[in-house]
C-alpha atoms as a PDB file:
ATOM      1  CA  MET A   1     -13.411 -27.955  19.376  1.00  0.00           C
ATOM      2  CA  LYS A   2     -10.063 -25.466  18.740  1.00  0.00           C
ATOM      3  CA  PRO A   3      -6.924 -26.742  17.645  1.00  0.00           C
ATOM      4  CA  GLN A   4      -4.290 -26.734  20.226  1.00  0.00           C
ATOM      5  CA  VAL A   5      -0.960 -25.602  19.127  1.00  0.00           C
ATOM      6  CA  LEU A   6       1.962 -27.764  20.130  1.00  0.00           C
ATOM      7  CA  ALA A   7       5.273 -25.905  18.948  1.00  0.00           C
ATOM      8  CA  GLU A   8       5.772 -22.866  17.399  1.00  0.00           C
ATOM      9  CA  THR A   9       9.242 -23.093  14.720  1.00  0.00           C
ATOM     10  CA  PRO A  10      10.115 -20.304  12.585  1.00  0.00           C
ATOM     11  CA  ILE A  11      10.468 -21.635   8.949  1.00  0.00           C
ATOM     12  CA  THR A  12      11.770 -20.192   6.023  1.00  0.00           C
ATOM     13  CA  SER A  13       9.896 -19.363   2.701  1.00  0.00           C
ATOM     14  CA  PHE A  14      11.761 -22.054   1.262  1.00  0.00           C
ATOM     15  CA  GLU A  15      10.860 -24.888   4.078  1.00  0.00           C
ATOM     16  CA  LEU A  16       7.112 -23.406   3.701  1.00  0.00           C
ATOM     17  CA  LYS A  17       7.000 -23.833  -0.282  1.00  0.00           C
ATOM     18  CA  GLU A  18       8.458 -27.672   0.454  1.00  0.00           C
ATOM     19  CA  ILE A  19       5.487 -28.265   3.077  1.00  0.00           C
ATOM     20  CA  LEU A  20       2.882 -26.996   0.661  1.00  0.00           C
ATOM     21  CA  GLU A  21       4.393 -28.968  -2.169  1.00  0.00           C
ATOM     22  CA  LYS A  22       4.239 -31.759  -0.045  1.00  0.00           C
ATOM     23  CA  ASN A  23       0.641 -31.431   0.910  1.00  0.00           C
ATOM     24  CA  LYS A  24      -0.170 -30.625  -2.555  1.00  0.00           C
ATOM     25  CA  LYS A  25       1.159 -34.404  -3.351  1.00  0.00           C
ATOM     26  CA  GLU A  26      -0.382 -36.039  -0.446  1.00  0.00           C
ATOM     27  CA  GLN A  27      -3.972 -34.507  -0.973  1.00  0.00           C
ATOM     28  CA  GLY A  28      -4.193 -33.642  -4.737  1.00  0.00           C
ATOM     29  CA  GLU A  29      -5.406 -30.062  -4.208  1.00  0.00           C
ATOM     30  CA  LEU A  30      -4.668 -27.045  -1.830  1.00  0.00           C
ATOM     31  CA  SER A  31      -7.142 -24.916  -0.342  1.00  0.00           C
ATOM     32  CA  PHE A  32      -7.456 -21.677  -2.291  1.00  0.00           C
ATOM     33  CA  ARG A  33      -5.249 -19.479   0.017  1.00  0.00           C
ATOM     34  CA  ALA A  34      -2.395 -22.233   0.096  1.00  0.00           C
ATOM     35  CA  GLN A  35      -2.806 -22.432  -3.678  1.00  0.00           C
ATOM     36  CA  LYS A  36      -2.174 -18.736  -3.896  1.00  0.00           C
ATOM     37  CA  THR A  37       0.435 -19.055  -1.278  1.00  0.00           C
ATOM     38  CA  LEU A  38       2.346 -21.133  -3.164  1.00  0.00           C
ATOM     39  CA  GLU A  39       2.150 -19.733  -6.686  1.00  0.00           C
ATOM     40  CA  HIS A  40       3.602 -16.901  -4.820  1.00  0.00           C
ATOM     41  CA  LEU A  41       6.329 -18.953  -3.470  1.00  0.00           C
ATOM     42  CA  GLU A  42       7.133 -20.286  -6.679  1.00  0.00           C
ATOM     43  CA  THR A  43       8.010 -17.069  -8.095  1.00  0.00           C
ATOM     44  CA  THR A  44       9.629 -15.614  -5.152  1.00  0.00           C
ATOM     45  CA  VAL A  45      11.613 -18.726  -3.785  1.00  0.00           C
ATOM     46  CA  ASN A  46      14.804 -19.535  -6.227  1.00  0.00           C
ATOM     47  CA  PHE A  47      17.498 -20.861  -3.365  1.00  0.00           C
ATOM     48  CA  LYS A  48      17.844 -24.825  -3.184  1.00  0.00           C
ATOM     49  CA  LYS A  49      17.569 -26.642  -0.418  1.00  0.00           C
ATOM     50  CA  SER A  50      21.317 -26.974   0.213  1.00  0.00           C
ATOM     51  CA  GLN A  51      21.736 -23.004   0.005  1.00  0.00           C
ATOM     52  CA  VAL A  52      19.687 -22.566   2.608  1.00  0.00           C
ATOM     53  CA  GLU A  53      20.898 -25.176   5.170  1.00  0.00           C
ATOM     54  CA  GLU A  54      24.340 -23.857   4.195  1.00  0.00           C
ATOM     55  CA  LEU A  55      23.320 -20.138   4.819  1.00  0.00           C
ATOM     56  CA  LYS A  56      21.559 -21.244   8.210  1.00  0.00           C
ATOM     57  CA  GLY A  57      24.709 -23.056   9.211  1.00  0.00           C
ATOM     58  CA  GLU A  58      27.059 -19.836   8.114  1.00  0.00           C
ATOM     59  CA  ILE A  59      24.844 -17.416   9.985  1.00  0.00           C
ATOM     60  CA  GLU A  60      24.574 -19.559  13.033  1.00  0.00           C
ATOM     61  CA  LYS A  61      28.631 -20.188  12.966  1.00  0.00           C
ATOM     62  CA  LEU A  62      29.124 -16.318  13.049  1.00  0.00           C
ATOM     63  CA  LYS A  63      27.323 -16.310  16.976  1.00  0.00           C
ATOM     64  CA  ILE A  64      25.849 -13.170  16.771  1.00  0.00           C
ATOM     65  CA  PRO A  65      24.908 -12.439  20.103  1.00  0.00           C
ATOM     66  CA  ARG A  66      21.050 -12.935  20.826  1.00  0.00           C
ATOM     67  CA  LEU A  67      20.361 -13.266  17.206  1.00  0.00           C
ATOM     68  CA  ARG A  68      17.583 -16.283  17.361  1.00  0.00           C
ATOM     69  CA  GLU A  69      16.270 -18.853  14.808  1.00  0.00           C
ATOM     70  CA  SER A  70      12.993 -16.903  13.592  1.00  0.00           C
ATOM     71  CA  GLN A  71      15.462 -13.881  13.023  1.00  0.00           C
ATOM     72  CA  ILE A  72      17.600 -15.838  10.628  1.00  0.00           C
ATOM     73  CA  ALA A  73      14.772 -17.447   8.932  1.00  0.00           C
ATOM     74  CA  LYS A  74      13.796 -13.709   8.331  1.00  0.00           C
ATOM     75  CA  LEU A  75      17.272 -12.797   6.884  1.00  0.00           C
ATOM     76  CA  ILE A  76      17.147 -15.719   4.762  1.00  0.00           C
ATOM     77  CA  ASP A  77      14.077 -15.281   3.208  1.00  0.00           C
ATOM     78  CA  LEU A  78      15.258 -11.268   2.539  1.00  0.00           C
ATOM     79  CA  LYS A  79      18.733 -12.048   1.513  1.00  0.00           C
ATOM     80  CA  PRO A  80      19.941  -8.955   2.466  1.00  0.00           C
ATOM     81  CA  THR A  81      23.730  -8.463   0.770  1.00  0.00           C
ATOM     82  CA  THR A  82      24.611  -5.171   2.334  1.00  0.00           C
ATOM     83  CA  PRO A  83      24.518  -4.142   6.092  1.00  0.00           C
ATOM     84  CA  GLU A  84      22.069  -1.555   5.666  1.00  0.00           C
ATOM     85  CA  GLN A  85      19.745  -4.237   4.638  1.00  0.00           C
ATOM     86  CA  VAL A  86      20.344  -6.511   7.425  1.00  0.00           C
ATOM     87  CA  LYS A  87      19.684  -3.524   9.546  1.00  0.00           C
ATOM     88  CA  SER A  88      16.568  -2.811   7.884  1.00  0.00           C
ATOM     89  CA  ALA A  89      15.397  -6.619   8.073  1.00  0.00           C
ATOM     90  CA  LEU A  90      16.361  -6.561  11.908  1.00  0.00           C
ATOM     91  CA  GLN A  91      14.700  -3.244  12.677  1.00  0.00           C
ATOM     92  CA  ALA A  92      11.395  -5.397  13.722  1.00  0.00           C
ATOM     93  CA  TYR A  93      12.936  -6.743  16.370  1.00  0.00           C
ATOM     94  CA  VAL A  94      14.412  -5.370  19.783  1.00  0.00           C
ATOM     95  CA  LEU A  95      17.654  -6.626  18.876  1.00  0.00           C
ATOM     96  CA  THR A  96      21.212  -4.674  18.629  1.00  0.00           C
ATOM     97  CA  VAL A  97      23.492  -5.515  16.272  1.00  0.00           C
ATOM     98  CA  LYS A  98      27.077  -4.758  15.708  1.00  0.00           C
ATOM     99  CA  GLN A  99      28.290  -2.934  12.364  1.00  0.00           C
ATOM    100  CA  GLU A 100      30.903  -5.942  12.029  1.00  0.00           C
ATOM    101  CA  ASP A 101      28.378  -8.264  12.645  1.00  0.00           C
ATOM    102  CA  MET A 102      26.135  -6.810   9.968  1.00  0.00           C
ATOM    103  CA  LYS A 103      28.809  -6.717   7.628  1.00  0.00           C
ATOM    104  CA  LYS A 104      29.129 -10.349   8.385  1.00  0.00           C
ATOM    105  CA  ILE A 105      26.043 -11.367   7.892  1.00  0.00           C
ATOM    106  CA  ALA A 106      25.855  -9.271   4.534  1.00  0.00           C
ATOM    107  CA  ASP A 107      28.933 -10.963   3.337  1.00  0.00           C
ATOM    108  CA  ALA A 108      27.830 -14.852   3.756  1.00  0.00           C
ATOM    109  CA  PHE A 109      24.846 -13.529   1.805  1.00  0.00           C
ATOM    110  CA  LYS A 110      26.604 -11.936  -0.876  1.00  0.00           C
ATOM    111  CA  ALA A 111      28.599 -15.007  -1.351  1.00  0.00           C
ATOM    112  CA  ALA A 112      25.785 -17.254  -1.787  1.00  0.00           C
ATOM    113  CA  VAL A 113      24.132 -15.555  -4.120  1.00  0.00           C
ATOM    114  CA  GLU A 114      27.091 -14.652  -6.284  1.00  0.00           C
ATOM    115  CA  ALA A 115      27.433 -18.729  -5.847  1.00  0.00           C
ATOM    116  CA  LYS A 116      24.181 -19.257  -7.315  1.00  0.00           C
END
């Protein structure tokens, strides 16, 4: 029987790391791919839960038109600190973001990175 997808919710790398760590505690051992993914995330994810939630809230407060939750998760994963990096991160999506909005996003990430 094929598994059924109940819902699709975009998550950040930090949230994925938390899920894998929880599964490892519960099951004692992860599959090969899950273990490799966790090892990679342990070296690349360096934000704390409070920082991720704060960043998500700050970006949502900017009320940028058509910016979706999946795009916010991608931005949090990439941590762009310049408008050019924001533009690069969002190029994969059919989305037009004004230059001043890209600057606001970059400034929010710059403040979070400096506060870290």
